[in-house]
Amino acid sequence: MQTLLTFFNGNMLLTSEAVQVASGGRLVAAALIGLAVLLILIIKAKLQPVLAILVSAISIGLIAGMPYSAIIDSIGNGIGSTLRGIALLVGLGSMFGAILEISGGAQRIAVTMVDKLGENKAAWALGLTGLIIAMPVFFDAGLIILIPLAFSLAKRTKKSTLTYAIPLLAGLAVGHAFIPPTPGPILVANLLGVELGYVIAVGAVVGTISMIVAGPIFGKFIGNKIYAPIPENVEEMMEHDNNKMPGFFTVVSIILIPLVLILLNTASKAMPSMSSVQPFFAFIGEPFIALTIATIVAMVILGIKHGYSRDELEKIMTKSLSPTGMILLVTACGGVLRFILADSGLGDVIGSAVSSSALPMVVVAFVIAGLIRISIGSATVSMTMAAGIVAAMPEIANYSPLYLACVTAAIAGGATIMSHFNDSGFWLVKSLLQIDEKTTLKSWTVMETIVGTVGFLCALIISFFA
């Protein structure tokens, strides 16, 4: 079999160059050895994930017998194609989130929802707040911004901090994993070639259900079971100046701008009556255009009109771009892995095995992402690798956009489960809540597993109708 499969912007194209593809057994062996190398480099050698993924991808190519020039081409195509679809979105999302953070918009949403729903429904309010805030704000930043409110509620009600922290964490985890414009689902959608409108629609449904089960419901259970006191020396974190925060509806409206524009684009394509205005909706609904509009609006309303000078905003937004380099590099290396798997012919082998089995692609995607997550720890790396493996399967081109959105959610779910000692999020939660490892496993790890599993099950159910 002589094929060279090149993926560009999510579409599988057959190029004029041909590469002699190795036997199925050799390809499978190459993949297993390459993934073993990856695990050893990350877990044992503590090598930086970017280098580890790159070395693993090159190892797969060499063992599979790919020509040196083909490996170089796959690396270049993987990096270029992947970054082309996500680089702007990650950067714009980071700047958008930074403005929301410094303006007090995140705190305004949390405080308002708790005040409106009351202390009896505070856990629900925190879960919804976390879900909304995690879409434009990175998980770590959102947690640090909002955790003082959970401590404040625990102090006021004399309940375990887990009663309020777990719903908040569940909301943040859901928003971070399932709903664009957070980088994870954008990355997976880009690799699978599915419109973000479908990903947002499916992610909102599965995410909300996951948040409810893993947040308020499980939070109440674990809060009654384990009493975790308020951490020491957090009193100064509990003060909020409500007069300096932007309005609740203002903040929510700005956050919804990119989501609404992207959904309008997707909806207009499905409605013949809107054909005359569809090009306009397609333009403003292009993800990077929609996020650009939202960022400019946030600059004006939450920034300049909120007392920040243009120089201050420029410094804040520039600083927010610092952590995006790592995200983009890991993402690009995931694209490299995807191209190596496809160009070596392994995608055909895996695809044939999957098509001959009774397992739906949604289940396969969840299992692959889950195994990588448990082994490596990083949710971003897990989503990147799993998406690369799944995208290399030829069958992907035959699925509907709705089904691919379900596959995206399944990958996100698998990459969320079983956060433990090899995940930085595990240690961040432990340190902020000042609880021991055993308690963190019983609360945070179980919560993450519920989020991922419920999200996957919901995506599986939706896929039956796709």
Protein backbone atom coordinates (compact mmCIF):
# COMPACT_ATOMS: atom_id res chain seq x y z
CA MET A 1 0.00 0.00 0.00
CA GLN A 2 1.53 3.27 -1.12
CA THR A 3 -0.07 6.37 0.32
CA LEU A 4 0.99 9.54 1.95
CA LEU A 5 -1.86 11.01 3.92
CA THR A 6 -1.58 14.67 4.66
CA PHE A 7 -4.09 16.49 6.78
CA PHE A 8 -4.76 20.16 6.18
CA ASN A 9 -7.25 22.10 8.26
CA GLY A 10 -9.02 18.94 9.32
CA ASN A 11 -9.51 17.62 5.78
CA MET A 12 -7.72 14.48 4.59
CA LEU A 13 -6.00 14.95 1.25
CA LEU A 14 -4.05 12.49 -0.86
CA THR A 15 -0.76 14.00 -2.04
CA SER A 16 1.21 13.22 -5.15
CA GLU A 17 4.15 11.87 -3.16
CA ALA A 18 4.09 8.27 -2.05
CA VAL A 19 5.69 6.52 0.86
CA GLN A 20 6.11 2.79 1.22
CA VAL A 21 3.99 1.91 4.23
CA ALA A 22 5.21 -0.83 6.55
CA SER A 23 3.22 -3.91 7.53
CA GLY A 24 0.45 -3.59 10.07
CA GLY A 25 2.44 -5.44 12.71
CA ARG A 26 5.42 -3.15 12.34
CA LEU A 27 3.21 -0.05 12.48
CA VAL A 28 1.48 -1.22 15.66
CA ALA A 29 4.85 -2.06 17.22
CA ALA A 30 6.14 1.39 16.24
CA ALA A 31 3.15 3.07 17.90
CA LEU A 32 3.43 1.02 21.09
CA ILE A 33 7.17 1.62 21.38
CA GLY A 34 6.72 5.32 20.62
CA LEU A 35 4.04 5.74 23.29
CA ALA A 36 6.16 3.77 25.77
CA VAL A 37 9.04 6.14 25.04
CA LEU A 38 6.70 9.05 25.67
CA LEU A 39 5.57 7.72 29.05
CA ILE A 40 9.14 6.97 30.15
CA LEU A 41 10.37 10.41 29.12
CA ILE A 42 7.57 12.23 30.93
CA ILE A 43 7.07 10.05 34.00
CA LYS A 44 10.57 8.73 34.69
CA ALA A 45 12.95 11.13 32.97
CA LYS A 46 10.76 14.17 33.79
CA LEU A 47 11.45 15.52 30.32
CA GLN A 48 9.50 18.58 29.24
CA PRO A 49 6.30 17.38 27.45
CA VAL A 50 7.09 19.28 24.25
CA LEU A 51 10.39 17.45 23.80
CA ALA A 52 8.88 14.16 24.95
CA ILE A 53 6.05 14.26 22.39
CA LEU A 54 8.42 15.31 19.61
CA VAL A 55 10.90 12.50 20.40
CA SER A 56 8.03 10.01 20.60
CA ALA A 57 6.64 11.08 17.23
CA ILE A 58 10.05 10.85 15.56
CA SER A 59 10.60 7.42 17.12
CA ILE A 60 7.32 6.17 15.69
CA GLY A 61 8.26 7.42 12.25
CA LEU A 62 11.73 5.83 12.33
CA ILE A 63 10.54 2.46 13.65
CA ALA A 64 7.70 2.45 11.10
CA GLY A 65 10.31 2.80 8.36
CA MET A 66 9.30 6.24 7.11
CA PRO A 67 11.95 7.95 4.95
CA TYR A 68 13.82 10.73 6.74
CA SER A 69 12.42 13.32 4.34
CA ALA A 70 8.86 12.12 5.00
CA ILE A 71 9.37 12.46 8.76
CA ILE A 72 10.64 16.01 8.30
CA ASP A 73 7.67 16.83 6.06
CA SER A 74 5.21 15.37 8.58
CA ILE A 75 6.72 17.45 11.37
CA GLY A 76 6.54 20.64 9.31
CA ASN A 77 2.99 19.97 8.11
CA GLY A 78 1.86 19.01 11.62
CA ILE A 79 3.19 22.18 13.21
CA GLY A 80 2.00 24.50 10.45
CA SER A 81 -1.48 23.05 10.07
CA THR A 82 -2.14 22.82 13.80
CA LEU A 83 -0.93 26.29 14.74
CA ARG A 84 -2.76 27.79 11.78
CA GLY A 85 -6.06 26.83 13.34
CA ILE A 86 -5.43 27.60 16.99
CA ALA A 87 -2.59 30.09 17.58
CA LEU A 88 -4.72 33.23 17.24
CA LEU A 89 -7.53 31.78 19.33
CA VAL A 90 -5.25 30.88 22.25
CA GLY A 91 -3.64 34.32 22.23
CA LEU A 92 -6.91 36.23 21.94
CA GLY A 93 -8.55 34.07 24.60
CA SER A 94 -5.67 34.72 26.97
CA MET A 95 -5.94 38.50 26.54
CA PHE A 96 -9.73 38.38 26.88
CA GLY A 97 -9.44 36.40 30.10
CA ALA A 98 -6.81 38.78 31.51
CA ILE A 99 -9.13 41.78 31.06
CA LEU A 100 -11.98 39.89 32.70
CA GLU A 101 -9.70 39.02 35.61
CA ILE A 102 -8.25 42.46 36.38
CA SER A 103 -11.60 44.25 36.00
CA GLY A 104 -13.20 42.14 38.73
CA GLY A 105 -15.68 40.67 36.25
CA ALA A 106 -15.16 37.13 37.50
CA GLN A 107 -15.80 38.13 41.10
CA ARG A 108 -18.89 40.09 40.05
CA ILE A 109 -20.47 37.02 38.46
CA ALA A 110 -19.73 34.88 41.51
CA VAL A 111 -20.91 37.40 44.10
CA THR A 112 -24.09 38.27 42.17
CA MET A 113 -25.11 34.66 41.60
CA VAL A 114 -24.55 33.75 45.25
CA ASP A 115 -26.52 36.80 46.39
CA LYS A 116 -29.42 36.06 44.02
CA LEU A 117 -29.65 32.33 44.69
CA GLY A 118 -28.96 32.60 48.42
CA GLU A 119 -26.68 30.57 50.66
CA ASN A 120 -28.85 27.46 50.28
CA LYS A 121 -28.10 27.44 46.56
CA ALA A 122 -24.59 28.86 46.84
CA ALA A 123 -23.01 25.62 45.64
CA TRP A 124 -25.08 25.79 42.45
CA ALA A 125 -24.10 29.43 41.99
CA LEU A 126 -20.41 28.61 42.34
CA GLY A 127 -20.69 25.73 39.87
CA LEU A 128 -22.35 27.92 37.24
CA THR A 129 -19.85 30.70 37.91
CA GLY A 130 -16.92 28.36 37.42
CA LEU A 131 -18.40 27.05 34.18
CA ILE A 132 -18.86 30.57 32.77
CA ILE A 133 -15.51 31.91 33.92
CA ALA A 134 -13.46 28.91 32.73
CA MET A 135 -14.42 29.51 29.11
CA PRO A 136 -12.35 32.71 28.70
CA VAL A 137 -10.03 32.32 31.73
CA PHE A 138 -7.41 29.60 32.29
CA PHE A 139 -8.30 27.05 34.98
CA ASP A 140 -5.51 28.05 37.38
CA ALA A 141 -6.30 31.76 37.17
CA GLY A 142 -10.05 31.19 37.57
CA LEU A 143 -9.50 29.05 40.66
CA ILE A 144 -7.20 31.55 42.34
CA ILE A 145 -9.63 34.39 41.60
CA LEU A 146 -12.77 32.64 42.86
CA ILE A 147 -11.63 30.30 45.66
CA PRO A 148 -11.81 33.10 48.30
CA LEU A 149 -15.57 33.24 47.80
CA ALA A 150 -15.83 29.51 48.60
CA PHE A 151 -13.79 30.10 51.75
CA SER A 152 -16.00 33.02 52.71
CA LEU A 153 -19.16 30.94 52.34
CA ALA A 154 -17.67 28.06 54.32
CA LYS A 155 -16.75 30.46 57.12
CA ARG A 156 -20.21 32.01 57.15
CA THR A 157 -22.08 28.70 57.16
CA LYS A 158 -19.50 26.76 59.23
CA LYS A 159 -19.53 23.95 56.66
CA SER A 160 -16.65 22.07 55.12
CA THR A 161 -14.83 24.08 52.47
CA LEU A 162 -15.35 21.08 50.16
CA THR A 163 -19.09 21.84 50.11
CA TYR A 164 -18.37 25.00 48.12
CA ALA A 165 -14.93 24.35 46.63
CA ILE A 166 -15.96 21.17 44.80
CA PRO A 167 -18.86 22.81 42.88
CA LEU A 168 -16.55 25.67 41.92
CA LEU A 169 -13.85 23.24 40.80
CA ALA A 170 -16.41 21.20 38.85
CA GLY A 171 -17.60 24.29 36.99
CA LEU A 172 -14.05 25.34 36.19
CA ALA A 173 -13.15 21.82 35.03
CA VAL A 174 -16.21 21.62 32.78
CA GLY A 175 -15.67 25.04 31.21
CA HIS A 176 -12.00 24.26 30.72
CA ALA A 177 -12.61 20.87 29.09
CA PHE A 178 -15.80 21.01 27.05
CA ILE A 179 -16.71 24.53 25.89
CA PRO A 180 -14.76 26.83 23.52
CA PRO A 181 -13.12 29.33 23.45
CA THR A 182 -10.98 27.51 26.04
CA PRO A 183 -7.98 25.98 24.17
CA GLY A 184 -8.65 22.25 24.77
CA PRO A 185 -11.86 21.76 22.79
CA ILE A 186 -10.67 24.23 20.14
CA LEU A 187 -7.57 22.11 19.65
CA VAL A 188 -9.53 18.86 19.34
CA ALA A 189 -12.13 20.43 17.05
CA ASN A 190 -9.36 21.79 14.85
CA LEU A 191 -7.66 18.40 14.56
CA LEU A 192 -10.96 16.63 13.82
CA GLY A 193 -12.13 19.30 11.40
CA VAL A 194 -15.46 20.10 13.09
CA GLU A 195 -17.09 23.51 13.31
CA LEU A 196 -16.93 25.13 16.75
CA GLY A 197 -20.66 25.85 16.70
CA TYR A 198 -21.40 22.13 17.05
CA VAL A 199 -18.72 21.77 19.71
CA ILE A 200 -20.18 24.65 21.72
CA ALA A 201 -23.72 23.24 21.48
CA VAL A 202 -22.73 19.71 22.52
CA GLY A 203 -20.24 20.99 25.11
CA ALA A 204 -22.81 23.24 26.76
CA VAL A 205 -25.24 20.33 27.19
CA VAL A 206 -22.80 17.70 28.41
CA GLY A 207 -20.89 20.26 30.45
CA THR A 208 -23.92 21.54 32.32
CA ILE A 209 -25.06 18.04 33.23
CA SER A 210 -21.53 17.08 34.29
CA MET A 211 -21.22 20.19 36.43
CA ILE A 212 -24.50 19.48 38.23
CA VAL A 213 -23.60 15.87 39.05
CA ALA A 214 -19.95 16.49 39.96
CA GLY A 215 -20.51 19.90 41.54
CA PRO A 216 -23.50 20.61 43.80
CA ILE A 217 -24.57 16.96 44.14
CA PHE A 218 -21.17 15.40 44.80
CA GLY A 219 -20.00 18.53 46.65
CA LYS A 220 -22.81 18.18 49.17
CA PHE A 221 -22.03 14.48 49.64
CA ILE A 222 -18.28 14.89 50.13
CA GLY A 223 -18.75 18.04 52.23
CA ASN A 224 -20.95 16.11 54.68
CA LYS A 225 -18.52 13.18 54.67
CA ILE A 226 -15.24 15.08 55.10
CA TYR A 227 -14.88 18.30 57.07
CA ALA A 228 -12.12 20.48 55.65
CA PRO A 229 -11.55 23.67 57.67
CA ILE A 230 -10.86 27.06 56.15
CA PRO A 231 -7.14 27.37 55.34
CA GLU A 232 -5.07 29.60 57.59
CA ASN A 233 -4.09 33.12 56.55
CA VAL A 234 -6.80 33.62 53.96
CA GLU A 235 -8.73 36.38 55.67
CA GLU A 236 -7.18 39.04 53.45
CA MET A 237 -8.38 37.15 50.37
CA MET A 238 -12.03 37.52 51.33
CA GLU A 239 -12.50 41.24 50.78
CA HIS A 240 -14.36 42.37 47.68
CA ASP A 241 -14.98 45.99 46.74
CA ASN A 242 -18.36 45.68 45.06
CA ASN A 243 -18.38 49.33 44.01
CA LYS A 244 -15.38 48.82 41.73
CA MET A 245 -16.70 45.74 39.96
CA PRO A 246 -18.43 45.95 36.55
CA GLY A 247 -22.11 45.07 36.26
CA PHE A 248 -23.20 41.44 36.21
CA PHE A 249 -25.11 41.58 32.92
CA THR A 250 -22.32 43.59 31.32
CA VAL A 251 -19.77 40.91 32.12
CA VAL A 252 -22.00 38.01 31.08
CA SER A 253 -22.93 39.74 27.82
CA ILE A 254 -19.28 40.26 26.90
CA ILE A 255 -18.39 36.65 27.71
CA LEU A 256 -21.25 35.42 25.51
CA ILE A 257 -20.23 37.52 22.47
CA PRO A 258 -17.90 34.95 20.85
CA LEU A 259 -20.21 32.03 21.68
CA VAL A 260 -23.27 33.74 20.18
CA LEU A 261 -21.44 34.83 17.02
CA ILE A 262 -20.03 31.34 16.41
CA LEU A 263 -23.43 29.74 16.98
CA LEU A 264 -25.10 32.26 14.62
CA ASN A 265 -22.66 31.24 11.91
CA THR A 266 -23.45 27.55 12.40
CA ALA A 267 -27.22 28.16 12.56
CA SER A 268 -27.26 30.35 9.44
CA LYS A 269 -25.70 27.56 7.38
CA ALA A 270 -28.57 25.25 8.31
CA MET A 271 -31.31 27.77 7.45
CA PRO A 272 -31.93 28.43 3.72
CA SER A 273 -33.96 31.56 4.57
CA MET A 274 -30.76 33.20 5.86
CA SER A 275 -28.72 32.55 2.72
CA SER A 276 -28.53 36.26 1.86
CA VAL A 277 -26.89 37.19 5.15
CA GLN A 278 -24.96 33.95 5.67
CA PRO A 279 -21.67 35.36 4.30
CA PHE A 280 -21.80 38.13 6.90
CA PHE A 281 -22.56 35.69 9.72
CA ALA A 282 -19.79 33.43 8.43
CA PHE A 283 -17.38 36.36 8.67
CA ILE A 284 -18.25 37.54 12.19
CA GLY A 285 -18.76 33.94 13.30
CA GLU A 286 -15.26 32.88 12.30
CA PRO A 287 -13.81 32.00 15.72
CA PHE A 288 -10.85 34.36 15.65
CA ILE A 289 -13.02 37.24 14.34
CA ALA A 290 -15.64 36.59 17.05
CA LEU A 291 -12.97 36.49 19.76
CA THR A 292 -11.31 39.63 18.37
CA ILE A 293 -14.62 41.49 18.61
CA ALA A 294 -15.16 40.27 22.18
CA THR A 295 -11.63 41.25 23.22
CA ILE A 296 -11.99 44.78 21.81
CA VAL A 297 -15.35 45.22 23.54
CA ALA A 298 -13.81 43.98 26.80
CA MET A 299 -10.92 46.42 26.40
CA VAL A 300 -13.30 49.34 26.06
CA ILE A 301 -16.01 48.45 28.57
CA LEU A 302 -14.10 46.46 31.21
CA GLY A 303 -10.78 48.18 30.66
CA ILE A 304 -10.78 51.82 29.56
CA LYS A 305 -14.21 52.69 30.97
CA HIS A 306 -13.23 50.91 34.17
CA GLY A 307 -10.29 53.20 34.82
CA TYR A 308 -7.41 51.46 33.07
CA SER A 309 -5.23 53.46 30.70
CA ARG A 310 -4.28 52.16 27.27
CA ASP A 311 -0.70 51.66 28.47
CA GLU A 312 -1.87 49.62 31.46
CA LEU A 313 -4.10 47.47 29.28
CA GLU A 314 -1.26 46.89 26.83
CA LYS A 315 1.00 45.65 29.65
CA ILE A 316 -1.74 43.45 31.12
CA MET A 317 -2.57 41.87 27.78
CA THR A 318 1.08 41.37 26.87
CA LYS A 319 1.76 39.68 30.20
CA SER A 320 -1.23 37.37 29.66
CA LEU A 321 0.46 35.95 26.56
CA SER A 322 3.37 34.50 28.56
CA PRO A 323 1.75 31.11 29.37
CA THR A 324 0.39 30.65 25.84
CA GLY A 325 3.79 29.67 24.45
CA MET A 326 3.75 26.34 26.27
CA ILE A 327 0.17 25.62 25.24
CA LEU A 328 0.94 26.31 21.58
CA LEU A 329 4.12 24.21 21.60
CA VAL A 330 2.38 21.22 23.18
CA THR A 331 -0.48 21.64 20.73
CA ALA A 332 1.89 21.85 17.76
CA CYS A 333 3.67 18.67 18.87
CA GLY A 334 0.29 16.97 19.10
CA GLY A 335 -0.21 17.93 15.47
CA VAL A 336 3.17 16.39 14.66
CA LEU A 337 2.12 13.13 16.33
CA ARG A 338 -1.10 13.15 14.35
CA PHE A 339 0.69 13.60 11.01
CA ILE A 340 3.31 10.95 11.81
CA LEU A 341 0.57 8.45 12.67
CA ALA A 342 -1.35 9.28 9.50
CA ASP A 343 1.60 9.50 7.11
CA SER A 344 3.13 6.24 8.36
CA GLY A 345 -0.10 4.41 7.58
CA LEU A 346 -0.91 3.65 11.21
CA GLY A 347 -4.14 5.62 10.93
CA ASP A 348 -5.38 3.07 8.39
CA VAL A 349 -4.42 0.19 10.68
CA ILE A 350 -6.13 1.70 13.73
CA GLY A 351 -9.12 2.72 11.65
CA SER A 352 -9.54 -0.79 10.27
CA ALA A 353 -9.34 -2.26 13.77
CA VAL A 354 -11.93 0.18 15.07
CA SER A 355 -14.30 -0.28 12.12
CA SER A 356 -14.18 -4.06 12.53
CA SER A 357 -15.01 -3.80 16.23
CA ALA A 358 -18.40 -3.09 17.74
CA LEU A 359 -17.17 -0.02 19.64
CA PRO A 360 -18.48 3.38 18.54
CA MET A 361 -15.82 5.99 17.79
CA VAL A 362 -17.05 8.04 20.75
CA VAL A 363 -16.16 5.16 23.09
CA VAL A 364 -12.79 4.60 21.41
CA ALA A 365 -11.95 8.30 21.73
CA PHE A 366 -12.83 8.33 25.44
CA VAL A 367 -10.79 5.22 26.19
CA ILE A 368 -7.71 6.49 24.34
CA ALA A 369 -7.83 9.90 26.06
CA GLY A 370 -8.50 8.30 29.44
CA LEU A 371 -5.54 5.93 29.23
CA ILE A 372 -3.21 8.76 28.25
CA ARG A 373 -4.58 10.99 31.02
CA ILE A 374 -4.03 8.34 33.69
CA SER A 375 -0.51 7.67 32.42
CA ILE A 376 0.71 11.22 31.78
CA GLY A 377 -1.44 13.46 33.97
CA SER A 378 -1.68 16.59 31.84
CA ALA A 379 -5.19 17.17 30.46
CA THR A 380 -3.87 19.33 27.63
CA VAL A 381 -1.29 16.73 26.55
CA SER A 382 -3.92 13.97 26.84
CA MET A 383 -6.38 15.84 24.64
CA THR A 384 -3.64 16.67 22.15
CA MET A 385 -2.38 13.10 21.84
CA ALA A 386 -5.82 11.49 21.80
CA ALA A 387 -7.08 13.92 19.17
CA GLY A 388 -4.01 13.21 17.07
CA ILE A 389 -4.56 9.47 17.23
CA VAL A 390 -8.29 9.69 16.49
CA ALA A 391 -7.82 12.24 13.70
CA ALA A 392 -5.40 9.86 11.98
CA MET A 393 -8.21 7.33 11.45
CA PRO A 394 -9.66 7.59 7.91
CA GLU A 395 -13.19 6.90 9.20
CA ILE A 396 -13.26 10.35 10.80
CA ALA A 397 -13.93 11.92 7.40
CA ASN A 398 -17.25 10.04 7.14
CA TYR A 399 -18.86 11.28 10.35
CA SER A 400 -21.36 14.14 10.58
CA PRO A 401 -20.37 17.41 12.32
CA LEU A 402 -22.65 16.60 15.25
CA TYR A 403 -21.05 13.19 15.73
CA LEU A 404 -17.57 14.70 15.55
CA ALA A 405 -18.62 17.20 18.22
CA CYS A 406 -19.59 14.21 20.39
CA VAL A 407 -16.18 12.65 19.71
CA THR A 408 -14.61 15.96 20.78
CA ALA A 409 -16.57 15.88 24.05
CA ALA A 410 -15.59 12.23 24.59
CA ILE A 411 -11.90 13.10 24.21
CA ALA A 412 -12.35 15.99 26.65
CA GLY A 413 -14.06 13.65 29.10
CA GLY A 414 -11.32 11.04 28.88
CA ALA A 415 -8.65 13.72 29.34
CA THR A 416 -10.38 14.91 32.53
CA ILE A 417 -10.80 11.70 34.52
CA MET A 418 -8.52 10.40 37.26
CA SER A 419 -6.41 13.45 38.09
CA HIS A 420 -3.81 12.19 40.55
CA PHE A 421 -0.19 12.67 41.63
CA ASN A 422 1.15 13.25 38.11
CA ASP A 423 -1.23 16.16 37.44
CA SER A 424 -0.28 19.71 38.42
CA GLY A 425 -3.96 20.49 39.02
CA PHE A 426 -4.00 17.91 41.81
CA TRP A 427 -1.24 19.71 43.69
CA LEU A 428 -2.69 23.17 43.04
CA VAL A 429 -6.02 22.16 44.59
CA LYS A 430 -4.31 20.44 47.51
CA SER A 431 -2.20 23.50 48.29
CA LEU A 432 -5.00 26.05 47.95
CA LEU A 433 -7.44 24.07 50.09
CA GLN A 434 -4.64 22.97 52.45
CA ILE A 435 -5.83 19.36 52.58
CA ASP A 436 -3.79 16.15 52.55
CA GLU A 437 -3.26 13.84 49.58
CA LYS A 438 -5.84 11.29 50.74
CA THR A 439 -8.55 13.96 51.02
CA THR A 440 -7.56 15.40 47.65
CA LEU A 441 -7.95 11.96 46.05
CA LYS A 442 -11.37 11.47 47.66
CA SER A 443 -12.62 14.91 46.63
CA TRP A 444 -10.79 16.41 43.64
CA THR A 445 -9.88 13.15 41.88
CA VAL A 446 -13.37 11.69 42.25
CA MET A 447 -14.92 14.97 41.12
CA GLU A 448 -12.74 15.07 37.99
CA THR A 449 -13.63 11.46 37.21
CA ILE A 450 -17.34 12.21 37.57
CA VAL A 451 -17.01 15.23 35.26
CA GLY A 452 -15.22 13.21 32.57
CA THR A 453 -17.41 10.11 32.82
CA VAL A 454 -20.75 11.92 32.88
CA GLY A 455 -19.60 14.15 30.01
CA PHE A 456 -18.65 11.08 27.98
CA LEU A 457 -21.95 9.30 28.69
CA CYS A 458 -23.94 12.37 27.66
CA ALA A 459 -21.89 12.68 24.47
CA LEU A 460 -22.47 8.99 23.74
CA ILE A 461 -26.23 9.41 24.11
CA ILE A 462 -26.25 12.47 21.82
CA SER A 463 -24.16 10.58 19.24
CA PHE A 464 -26.96 8.04 18.80
CA PHE A 465 -29.02 10.82 17.20
CA ALA A 466 -26.21 12.23 15.05
